[in-house]
Amino acid sequence: MKCKEICERIEASYPVAYACEWDNPGLLVGSDEKEVSRIYLALDATESVIEAAVAAKADLLITHHPMIFSPIRKVNTGDFIGRRIIRMIKADLSYYAMHTNYDVCGMAELAAGYLKLTGRRVLEPVVCELNRASGESQGFGRIGTLPRKMTVRECCAYVKEAFGLPNVKVFGDLDREVACAAVAPGSGKSMLKAALNERVEVLITGDIDHHEGIDAVSQGMAVIDAGHYGIEHIFIADMERFLSEEIPAVEIVKAPVCQPFEVV
């Protein structure tokens, strides 16, 4: 199957129109006419991921986070992004990223499912030409009710089990009971205000700084920081499922789930 046909299948379910203006999803390296028989899935296009994709004899690398965000003035081996691009081109490895369009159309609902939230609704709505007329609710994050009322301490254990994590960071009273939860995969800094406005009792997200965390607690909301990778790694398994259903003739290889840091 040609690369462009795979891109079309992906974008039919995760339209690029839902991506943020600053984002850069799509085919970033390679030819859309390339024949693809094997895909490598990962969260980020790091050097080790690219080498693993090449070793696996993949034709197409698909990641959640785009390797290329800012405009590039030159591509050479003196720059780490340039080195990655050159390596891909030399290996004839095409590269596709699906970022905030997947966040809106897949990641948030998927994460809410992992947490078994009921009565789900969008935390931060996104309106574009695709849903402006229909009024379909799409957006970042989800609000819902936990399967049972639990303490923040118990909720931390619940989140760790749901996403397979060794630890989380938490702001708030560990003995306080919570039921109304919101999940915002990746960086939830921009959704703190929306969660507070919705009277969320516990926000499960990543990339929360010191002041943001203590300020949220001061306003009555606990925050469980599961890490950026901690929640978003579910992209890999979900895209394996999606691609296996959509293009069963193409082999899918997954990067192992592994936090990009260590706590010592």
C-alpha atoms as a PDB file:
ATOM      1  CA  MET A   1       0.000   0.000   0.000  1.00  0.00           C
ATOM      2  CA  LYS A   2       1.264   3.483  -0.837  1.00  0.00           C
ATOM      3  CA  CYS A   3       2.207   5.876   1.928  1.00  0.00           C
ATOM      4  CA  LYS A   4      -0.388   8.421   0.808  1.00  0.00           C
ATOM      5  CA  GLU A   5      -3.156   5.824   1.079  1.00  0.00           C
ATOM      6  CA  ILE A   6      -2.158   5.087   4.668  1.00  0.00           C
ATOM      7  CA  CYS A   7      -2.105   8.820   5.433  1.00  0.00           C
ATOM      8  CA  GLU A   8      -5.594   9.156   3.968  1.00  0.00           C
ATOM      9  CA  ARG A   9      -6.897   6.295   6.137  1.00  0.00           C
ATOM     10  CA  ILE A  10      -5.419   7.902   9.237  1.00  0.00           C
ATOM     11  CA  GLU A  11      -6.706  11.385   8.459  1.00  0.00           C
ATOM     12  CA  ALA A  12     -10.219  10.108   7.762  1.00  0.00           C
ATOM     13  CA  SER A  13     -10.441   9.186  11.451  1.00  0.00           C
ATOM     14  CA  TYR A  14      -8.087  11.838  12.853  1.00  0.00           C
ATOM     15  CA  PRO A  15      -8.626  14.890  10.601  1.00  0.00           C
ATOM     16  CA  VAL A  16      -5.761  17.364  10.426  1.00  0.00           C
ATOM     17  CA  ALA A  17      -8.379  20.140  10.635  1.00  0.00           C
ATOM     18  CA  TYR A  18      -8.590  19.442  14.380  1.00  0.00           C
ATOM     19  CA  ALA A  19      -4.868  20.106  14.891  1.00  0.00           C
ATOM     20  CA  CYS A  20      -3.778  23.331  16.595  1.00  0.00           C
ATOM     21  CA  GLU A  21      -2.420  26.109  14.376  1.00  0.00           C
ATOM     22  CA  TRP A  22       1.054  25.785  15.904  1.00  0.00           C
ATOM     23  CA  ASP A  23       1.164  22.038  15.313  1.00  0.00           C
ATOM     24  CA  ASN A  24       2.847  20.184  12.452  1.00  0.00           C
ATOM     25  CA  PRO A  25       1.130  16.851  11.769  1.00  0.00           C
ATOM     26  CA  GLY A  26       1.313  14.889   8.530  1.00  0.00           C
ATOM     27  CA  LEU A  27       3.992  13.335   6.338  1.00  0.00           C
ATOM     28  CA  LEU A  28       7.185  15.125   7.406  1.00  0.00           C
ATOM     29  CA  VAL A  29       9.881  13.076   5.661  1.00  0.00           C
ATOM     30  CA  GLY A  30       9.775  10.912   2.546  1.00  0.00           C
ATOM     31  CA  SER A  31       7.607  10.284  -0.504  1.00  0.00           C
ATOM     32  CA  ASP A  32       3.861   9.786  -0.337  1.00  0.00           C
ATOM     33  CA  GLU A  33       4.244   7.418  -3.314  1.00  0.00           C
ATOM     34  CA  LYS A  34       6.452   5.022  -1.343  1.00  0.00           C
ATOM     35  CA  GLU A  35       5.155   1.464  -1.031  1.00  0.00           C
ATOM     36  CA  VAL A  36       4.753   0.500   2.616  1.00  0.00           C
ATOM     37  CA  SER A  37       4.728  -3.064   3.908  1.00  0.00           C
ATOM     38  CA  ARG A  38       5.931  -2.439   7.477  1.00  0.00           C
ATOM     39  CA  ILE A  39       5.223   0.408   9.928  1.00  0.00           C
ATOM     40  CA  TYR A  40       7.108   1.240  13.129  1.00  0.00           C
ATOM     41  CA  LEU A  41       5.100   2.962  15.901  1.00  0.00           C
ATOM     42  CA  ALA A  42       6.565   5.150  18.658  1.00  0.00           C
ATOM     43  CA  LEU A  43       5.737   8.239  20.683  1.00  0.00           C
ATOM     44  CA  ASP A  44       8.804  10.255  19.619  1.00  0.00           C
ATOM     45  CA  ALA A  45      11.227  10.093  16.695  1.00  0.00           C
ATOM     46  CA  THR A  46      14.403   9.910  18.771  1.00  0.00           C
ATOM     47  CA  GLU A  47      17.706   8.636  17.386  1.00  0.00           C
ATOM     48  CA  SER A  48      17.172   5.266  19.071  1.00  0.00           C
ATOM     49  CA  VAL A  49      13.639   4.976  17.685  1.00  0.00           C
ATOM     50  CA  ILE A  50      14.829   5.788  14.160  1.00  0.00           C
ATOM     51  CA  GLU A  51      17.600   3.184  14.431  1.00  0.00           C
ATOM     52  CA  ALA A  52      15.095   0.625  15.722  1.00  0.00           C
ATOM     53  CA  ALA A  53      12.765   1.392  12.811  1.00  0.00           C
ATOM     54  CA  VAL A  54      15.637   0.984  10.343  1.00  0.00           C
ATOM     55  CA  ALA A  55      16.729  -2.274  12.012  1.00  0.00           C
ATOM     56  CA  ALA A  56      13.145  -3.544  11.784  1.00  0.00           C
ATOM     57  CA  LYS A  57      13.216  -2.774   8.039  1.00  0.00           C
ATOM     58  CA  ALA A  58      10.228  -0.461   8.419  1.00  0.00           C
ATOM     59  CA  ASP A  59       9.119   1.618   5.447  1.00  0.00           C
ATOM     60  CA  LEU A  60       7.199   4.161   7.514  1.00  0.00           C
ATOM     61  CA  LEU A  61       7.715   5.540  11.019  1.00  0.00           C
ATOM     62  CA  ILE A  62       4.614   6.944  12.727  1.00  0.00           C
ATOM     63  CA  THR A  63       4.904   8.940  15.952  1.00  0.00           C
ATOM     64  CA  HIS A  64       2.587  11.033  18.081  1.00  0.00           C
ATOM     65  CA  HIS A  65       4.922  13.987  18.595  1.00  0.00           C
ATOM     66  CA  PRO A  66       6.226  15.660  15.408  1.00  0.00           C
ATOM     67  CA  MET A  67      10.001  15.707  15.205  1.00  0.00           C
ATOM     68  CA  ILE A  68       9.813  18.944  13.193  1.00  0.00           C
ATOM     69  CA  PHE A  69       7.988  21.879  14.812  1.00  0.00           C
ATOM     70  CA  SER A  70       9.856  25.064  13.959  1.00  0.00           C
ATOM     71  CA  PRO A  71      10.817  26.122  10.420  1.00  0.00           C
ATOM     72  CA  ILE A  72      14.123  24.575   9.320  1.00  0.00           C
ATOM     73  CA  ARG A  73      16.703  26.813   7.605  1.00  0.00           C
ATOM     74  CA  LYS A  74      19.203  24.054   6.854  1.00  0.00           C
ATOM     75  CA  VAL A  75      19.541  20.285   7.119  1.00  0.00           C
ATOM     76  CA  ASN A  76      23.020  19.060   8.032  1.00  0.00           C
ATOM     77  CA  THR A  77      24.753  16.766  10.496  1.00  0.00           C
ATOM     78  CA  GLY A  78      25.640  19.659  12.794  1.00  0.00           C
ATOM     79  CA  ASP A  79      22.068  19.748  14.110  1.00  0.00           C
ATOM     80  CA  PHE A  80      20.326  16.886  15.909  1.00  0.00           C
ATOM     81  CA  ILE A  81      17.112  17.281  13.886  1.00  0.00           C
ATOM     82  CA  GLY A  82      19.138  17.495  10.683  1.00  0.00           C
ATOM     83  CA  ARG A  83      20.968  14.287  11.575  1.00  0.00           C
ATOM     84  CA  ARG A  84      17.668  12.474  12.108  1.00  0.00           C
ATOM     85  CA  ILE A  85      16.231  13.697   8.809  1.00  0.00           C
ATOM     86  CA  ILE A  86      19.377  12.675   6.916  1.00  0.00           C
ATOM     87  CA  ARG A  87      19.325   9.245   8.565  1.00  0.00           C
ATOM     88  CA  MET A  88      15.716   8.703   7.531  1.00  0.00           C
ATOM     89  CA  ILE A  89      16.359   9.771   3.949  1.00  0.00           C
ATOM     90  CA  LYS A  90      19.454   7.561   3.653  1.00  0.00           C
ATOM     91  CA  ALA A  91      17.470   4.594   5.001  1.00  0.00           C
ATOM     92  CA  ASP A  92      14.490   5.376   2.745  1.00  0.00           C
ATOM     93  CA  LEU A  93      12.323   5.633   5.859  1.00  0.00           C
ATOM     94  CA  SER A  94       9.257   7.851   5.496  1.00  0.00           C
ATOM     95  CA  TYR A  95       8.006   9.644   8.596  1.00  0.00           C
ATOM     96  CA  TYR A  96       4.478  10.661   9.627  1.00  0.00           C
ATOM     97  CA  ALA A  97       3.279  12.406  12.812  1.00  0.00           C
ATOM     98  CA  MET A  98      -0.232  12.771  14.220  1.00  0.00           C
ATOM     99  CA  HIS A  99      -0.297  15.076  17.206  1.00  0.00           C
ATOM    100  CA  THR A 100      -3.070  17.396  18.391  1.00  0.00           C
ATOM    101  CA  ASN A 101      -5.509  15.994  15.829  1.00  0.00           C
ATOM    102  CA  TYR A 102      -5.056  12.635  17.570  1.00  0.00           C
ATOM    103  CA  ASP A 103      -5.296  14.316  20.991  1.00  0.00           C
ATOM    104  CA  VAL A 104      -8.717  15.690  20.046  1.00  0.00           C
ATOM    105  CA  CYS A 105     -10.098  12.701  18.140  1.00  0.00           C
ATOM    106  CA  GLY A 106      -8.512   9.814  20.013  1.00  0.00           C
ATOM    107  CA  MET A 107      -6.205  10.309  22.985  1.00  0.00           C
ATOM    108  CA  ALA A 108      -8.569  12.047  25.417  1.00  0.00           C
ATOM    109  CA  GLU A 109     -11.423   9.570  25.014  1.00  0.00           C
ATOM    110  CA  LEU A 110      -8.977   6.666  25.094  1.00  0.00           C
ATOM    111  CA  ALA A 111      -7.415   7.842  28.378  1.00  0.00           C
ATOM    112  CA  ALA A 112     -10.866   8.361  29.911  1.00  0.00           C
ATOM    113  CA  GLY A 113     -11.624   4.769  28.942  1.00  0.00           C
ATOM    114  CA  TYR A 114      -8.494   3.512  30.701  1.00  0.00           C
ATOM    115  CA  LEU A 115      -9.781   5.261  33.840  1.00  0.00           C
ATOM    116  CA  LYS A 116     -13.342   3.966  33.276  1.00  0.00           C
ATOM    117  CA  LEU A 117     -14.801   7.442  33.689  1.00  0.00           C
ATOM    118  CA  THR A 118     -18.578   7.583  33.256  1.00  0.00           C
ATOM    119  CA  GLY A 119     -20.726  10.471  32.045  1.00  0.00           C
ATOM    120  CA  ARG A 120     -17.826  11.762  29.962  1.00  0.00           C
ATOM    121  CA  ARG A 121     -17.773  15.190  28.365  1.00  0.00           C
ATOM    122  CA  VAL A 122     -15.116  17.326  26.676  1.00  0.00           C
ATOM    123  CA  LEU A 123     -12.931  19.429  28.961  1.00  0.00           C
ATOM    124  CA  GLU A 124     -11.733  22.011  26.405  1.00  0.00           C
ATOM    125  CA  PRO A 125     -13.846  22.092  23.214  1.00  0.00           C
ATOM    126  CA  VAL A 126     -12.326  22.592  19.769  1.00  0.00           C
ATOM    127  CA  VAL A 127     -14.400  24.097  16.965  1.00  0.00           C
ATOM    128  CA  CYS A 128     -13.319  23.880  13.317  1.00  0.00           C
ATOM    129  CA  GLU A 129     -15.000  23.658   9.923  1.00  0.00           C
ATOM    130  CA  LEU A 130     -15.656  19.952  10.465  1.00  0.00           C
ATOM    131  CA  ASN A 131     -17.881  20.321  13.526  1.00  0.00           C
ATOM    132  CA  ARG A 132     -19.016  23.945  13.363  1.00  0.00           C
ATOM    133  CA  ALA A 133     -22.207  23.120  11.450  1.00  0.00           C
ATOM    134  CA  SER A 134     -22.938  19.744  13.052  1.00  0.00           C
ATOM    135  CA  GLY A 135     -22.285  20.887  16.598  1.00  0.00           C
ATOM    136  CA  GLU A 136     -20.397  17.666  17.324  1.00  0.00           C
ATOM    137  CA  SER A 137     -18.467  17.964  20.570  1.00  0.00           C
ATOM    138  CA  GLN A 138     -14.733  17.405  20.127  1.00  0.00           C
ATOM    139  CA  GLY A 139     -11.807  18.702  22.096  1.00  0.00           C
ATOM    140  CA  PHE A 140      -8.957  18.193  24.521  1.00  0.00           C
ATOM    141  CA  GLY A 141      -9.355  16.255  27.746  1.00  0.00           C
ATOM    142  CA  ARG A 142     -12.378  14.559  29.268  1.00  0.00           C
ATOM    143  CA  ILE A 143     -14.371  15.062  32.465  1.00  0.00           C
ATOM    144  CA  GLY A 144     -16.246  12.214  34.111  1.00  0.00           C
ATOM    145  CA  THR A 145     -16.962  10.296  37.273  1.00  0.00           C
ATOM    146  CA  LEU A 146     -14.582   7.741  38.726  1.00  0.00           C
ATOM    147  CA  PRO A 147     -15.936   4.177  39.144  1.00  0.00           C
ATOM    148  CA  ARG A 148     -16.268   4.878  42.865  1.00  0.00           C
ATOM    149  CA  LYS A 149     -15.512   7.615  45.335  1.00  0.00           C
ATOM    150  CA  MET A 150     -11.921   7.236  46.509  1.00  0.00           C
ATOM    151  CA  THR A 151      -9.230   9.156  48.334  1.00  0.00           C
ATOM    152  CA  VAL A 152      -6.585  11.008  46.361  1.00  0.00           C
ATOM    153  CA  ARG A 153      -4.090   8.422  47.625  1.00  0.00           C
ATOM    154  CA  GLU A 154      -6.268   5.610  46.236  1.00  0.00           C
ATOM    155  CA  CYS A 155      -6.707   7.549  42.998  1.00  0.00           C
ATOM    156  CA  CYS A 156      -2.920   7.728  42.604  1.00  0.00           C
ATOM    157  CA  ALA A 157      -2.723   3.938  42.897  1.00  0.00           C
ATOM    158  CA  TYR A 158      -5.621   3.629  40.458  1.00  0.00           C
ATOM    159  CA  VAL A 159      -3.872   5.846  37.882  1.00  0.00           C
ATOM    160  CA  LYS A 160      -0.599   3.937  38.245  1.00  0.00           C
ATOM    161  CA  GLU A 161      -2.375   0.641  37.664  1.00  0.00           C
ATOM    162  CA  ALA A 162      -4.417   1.975  34.727  1.00  0.00           C
ATOM    163  CA  PHE A 163      -1.391   3.274  32.819  1.00  0.00           C
ATOM    164  CA  GLY A 164       1.267   0.855  34.072  1.00  0.00           C
ATOM    165  CA  LEU A 165       3.329   3.449  35.936  1.00  0.00           C
ATOM    166  CA  PRO A 166       5.821   2.969  38.791  1.00  0.00           C
ATOM    167  CA  ASN A 167       5.036   6.356  40.326  1.00  0.00           C
ATOM    168  CA  VAL A 168       3.150   9.629  39.937  1.00  0.00           C
ATOM    169  CA  LYS A 169       3.526  13.110  41.420  1.00  0.00           C
ATOM    170  CA  VAL A 170       0.580  14.487  43.358  1.00  0.00           C
ATOM    171  CA  PHE A 171      -0.491  17.898  44.641  1.00  0.00           C
ATOM    172  CA  GLY A 172      -3.222  17.910  47.280  1.00  0.00           C
ATOM    173  CA  ASP A 173      -4.518  16.216  50.411  1.00  0.00           C
ATOM    174  CA  LEU A 174      -3.992  12.471  49.978  1.00  0.00           C
ATOM    175  CA  ASP A 175      -6.865  11.653  52.340  1.00  0.00           C
ATOM    176  CA  ARG A 176      -9.462  13.820  50.599  1.00  0.00           C
ATOM    177  CA  GLU A 177     -12.220  11.871  48.841  1.00  0.00           C
ATOM    178  CA  VAL A 178     -12.826  12.599  45.141  1.00  0.00           C
ATOM    179  CA  ALA A 179     -15.298  11.406  42.514  1.00  0.00           C
ATOM    180  CA  CYS A 180     -15.330  14.012  39.716  1.00  0.00           C
ATOM    181  CA  ALA A 181     -12.154  13.621  37.660  1.00  0.00           C
ATOM    182  CA  ALA A 182     -10.682  15.074  34.490  1.00  0.00           C
ATOM    183  CA  VAL A 183      -7.933  13.575  32.373  1.00  0.00           C
ATOM    184  CA  ALA A 184      -5.756  15.653  30.054  1.00  0.00           C
ATOM    185  CA  PRO A 185      -3.051  13.491  28.426  1.00  0.00           C
ATOM    186  CA  GLY A 186       0.315  15.103  27.793  1.00  0.00           C
ATOM    187  CA  SER A 187       0.756  18.608  29.133  1.00  0.00           C
ATOM    188  CA  GLY A 188      -2.286  19.790  31.078  1.00  0.00           C
ATOM    189  CA  LYS A 189      -1.044  23.232  32.056  1.00  0.00           C
ATOM    190  CA  SER A 190      -3.368  25.015  29.652  1.00  0.00           C
ATOM    191  CA  MET A 191      -6.387  23.072  30.935  1.00  0.00           C
ATOM    192  CA  LEU A 192      -6.070  23.835  34.639  1.00  0.00           C
ATOM    193  CA  LYS A 193      -8.435  26.796  34.384  1.00  0.00           C
ATOM    194  CA  ALA A 194     -11.054  24.812  32.465  1.00  0.00           C
ATOM    195  CA  ALA A 195     -10.881  22.010  35.040  1.00  0.00           C
ATOM    196  CA  LEU A 196     -11.262  24.472  37.908  1.00  0.00           C
ATOM    197  CA  ASN A 197     -14.211  26.151  36.184  1.00  0.00           C
ATOM    198  CA  GLU A 198     -15.886  22.737  35.869  1.00  0.00           C
ATOM    199  CA  ARG A 199     -15.329  22.091  39.598  1.00  0.00           C
ATOM    200  CA  VAL A 200     -13.205  19.036  38.903  1.00  0.00           C
ATOM    201  CA  GLU A 201     -11.991  17.436  42.141  1.00  0.00           C
ATOM    202  CA  VAL A 202      -8.902  15.745  40.700  1.00  0.00           C
ATOM    203  CA  LEU A 203      -7.085  16.449  37.427  1.00  0.00           C
ATOM    204  CA  ILE A 204      -4.967  13.633  35.983  1.00  0.00           C
ATOM    205  CA  THR A 205      -2.406  15.006  33.538  1.00  0.00           C
ATOM    206  CA  GLY A 206       1.306  15.718  33.024  1.00  0.00           C
ATOM    207  CA  ASP A 207       3.922  18.483  33.006  1.00  0.00           C
ATOM    208  CA  ILE A 208       2.563  20.372  36.030  1.00  0.00           C
ATOM    209  CA  ASP A 209       4.994  22.859  37.558  1.00  0.00           C
ATOM    210  CA  HIS A 210       5.385  23.745  41.229  1.00  0.00           C
ATOM    211  CA  HIS A 211       3.338  26.944  41.216  1.00  0.00           C
ATOM    212  CA  GLU A 212       0.604  25.515  38.996  1.00  0.00           C
ATOM    213  CA  GLY A 213       0.223  22.548  41.316  1.00  0.00           C
ATOM    214  CA  ILE A 214       0.027  24.456  44.579  1.00  0.00           C
ATOM    215  CA  ASP A 215      -2.266  27.082  43.044  1.00  0.00           C
ATOM    216  CA  ALA A 216      -4.667  24.367  41.877  1.00  0.00           C
ATOM    217  CA  VAL A 217      -4.757  22.904  45.395  1.00  0.00           C
ATOM    218  CA  SER A 218      -5.433  26.367  46.837  1.00  0.00           C
ATOM    219  CA  GLN A 219      -8.501  26.541  44.600  1.00  0.00           C
ATOM    220  CA  GLY A 220      -9.828  23.161  45.706  1.00  0.00           C
ATOM    221  CA  MET A 221      -8.503  20.748  43.067  1.00  0.00           C
ATOM    222  CA  ALA A 222      -6.001  17.937  43.525  1.00  0.00           C
ATOM    223  CA  VAL A 223      -3.607  17.249  40.644  1.00  0.00           C
ATOM    224  CA  ILE A 224      -2.051  13.898  39.794  1.00  0.00           C
ATOM    225  CA  ASP A 225       0.907  14.381  37.455  1.00  0.00           C
ATOM    226  CA  ALA A 226       1.390  11.056  35.681  1.00  0.00           C
ATOM    227  CA  GLY A 227       3.964  12.526  33.314  1.00  0.00           C
ATOM    228  CA  HIS A 228       3.785  13.458  29.653  1.00  0.00           C
ATOM    229  CA  TYR A 229       4.890  10.025  28.472  1.00  0.00           C
ATOM    230  CA  GLY A 230       3.084   8.336  31.352  1.00  0.00           C
ATOM    231  CA  ILE A 231      -0.361   8.727  29.815  1.00  0.00           C
ATOM    232  CA  GLU A 232       0.441   9.315  26.159  1.00  0.00           C
ATOM    233  CA  HIS A 233       2.261   6.015  25.650  1.00  0.00           C
ATOM    234  CA  ILE A 234      -1.233   4.517  25.123  1.00  0.00           C
ATOM    235  CA  PHE A 235      -1.002   6.019  21.607  1.00  0.00           C
ATOM    236  CA  ILE A 236       1.271   3.154  20.550  1.00  0.00           C
ATOM    237  CA  ALA A 237      -1.109   0.307  21.397  1.00  0.00           C
ATOM    238  CA  ASP A 238      -4.123   2.228  20.128  1.00  0.00           C
ATOM    239  CA  MET A 239      -2.549   2.936  16.751  1.00  0.00           C
ATOM    240  CA  GLU A 240      -1.470  -0.686  16.459  1.00  0.00           C
ATOM    241  CA  ARG A 241      -5.134  -1.631  16.885  1.00  0.00           C
ATOM    242  CA  PHE A 242      -6.329   1.024  14.429  1.00  0.00           C
ATOM    243  CA  LEU A 243      -3.808   0.231  11.706  1.00  0.00           C
ATOM    244  CA  SER A 244      -4.261  -3.532  12.073  1.00  0.00           C
ATOM    245  CA  GLU A 245      -7.977  -3.054  11.436  1.00  0.00           C
ATOM    246  CA  GLU A 246      -7.619  -0.490   8.643  1.00  0.00           C
ATOM    247  CA  ILE A 247      -4.661  -1.965   6.759  1.00  0.00           C
ATOM    248  CA  PRO A 248      -4.284  -5.619   7.835  1.00  0.00           C
ATOM    249  CA  ALA A 249      -1.870  -6.350   4.973  1.00  0.00           C
ATOM    250  CA  VAL A 250       0.739  -4.016   6.494  1.00  0.00           C
ATOM    251  CA  GLU A 251       2.888  -5.344   9.346  1.00  0.00           C
ATOM    252  CA  ILE A 252       2.994  -3.222  12.513  1.00  0.00           C
ATOM    253  CA  VAL A 253       6.031  -3.096  14.809  1.00  0.00           C
ATOM    254  CA  LYS A 254       5.825  -1.247  18.141  1.00  0.00           C
ATOM    255  CA  ALA A 255       8.493   0.550  20.129  1.00  0.00           C
ATOM    256  CA  PRO A 256       8.683  -0.808  23.699  1.00  0.00           C
ATOM    257  CA  VAL A 257       6.947   1.277  26.365  1.00  0.00           C
ATOM    258  CA  CYS A 258       9.769   2.912  28.314  1.00  0.00           C
ATOM    259  CA  GLN A 259       9.829   6.196  30.229  1.00  0.00           C
ATOM    260  CA  PRO A 260      12.431   8.584  28.712  1.00  0.00           C
ATOM    261  CA  PHE A 261      13.873   9.351  32.172  1.00  0.00           C
ATOM    262  CA  GLU A 262      14.752   7.670  35.462  1.00  0.00           C
ATOM    263  CA  VAL A 263      13.996   8.706  39.042  1.00  0.00           C
ATOM    264  CA  VAL A 264      17.088   8.183  41.234  1.00  0.00           C
END
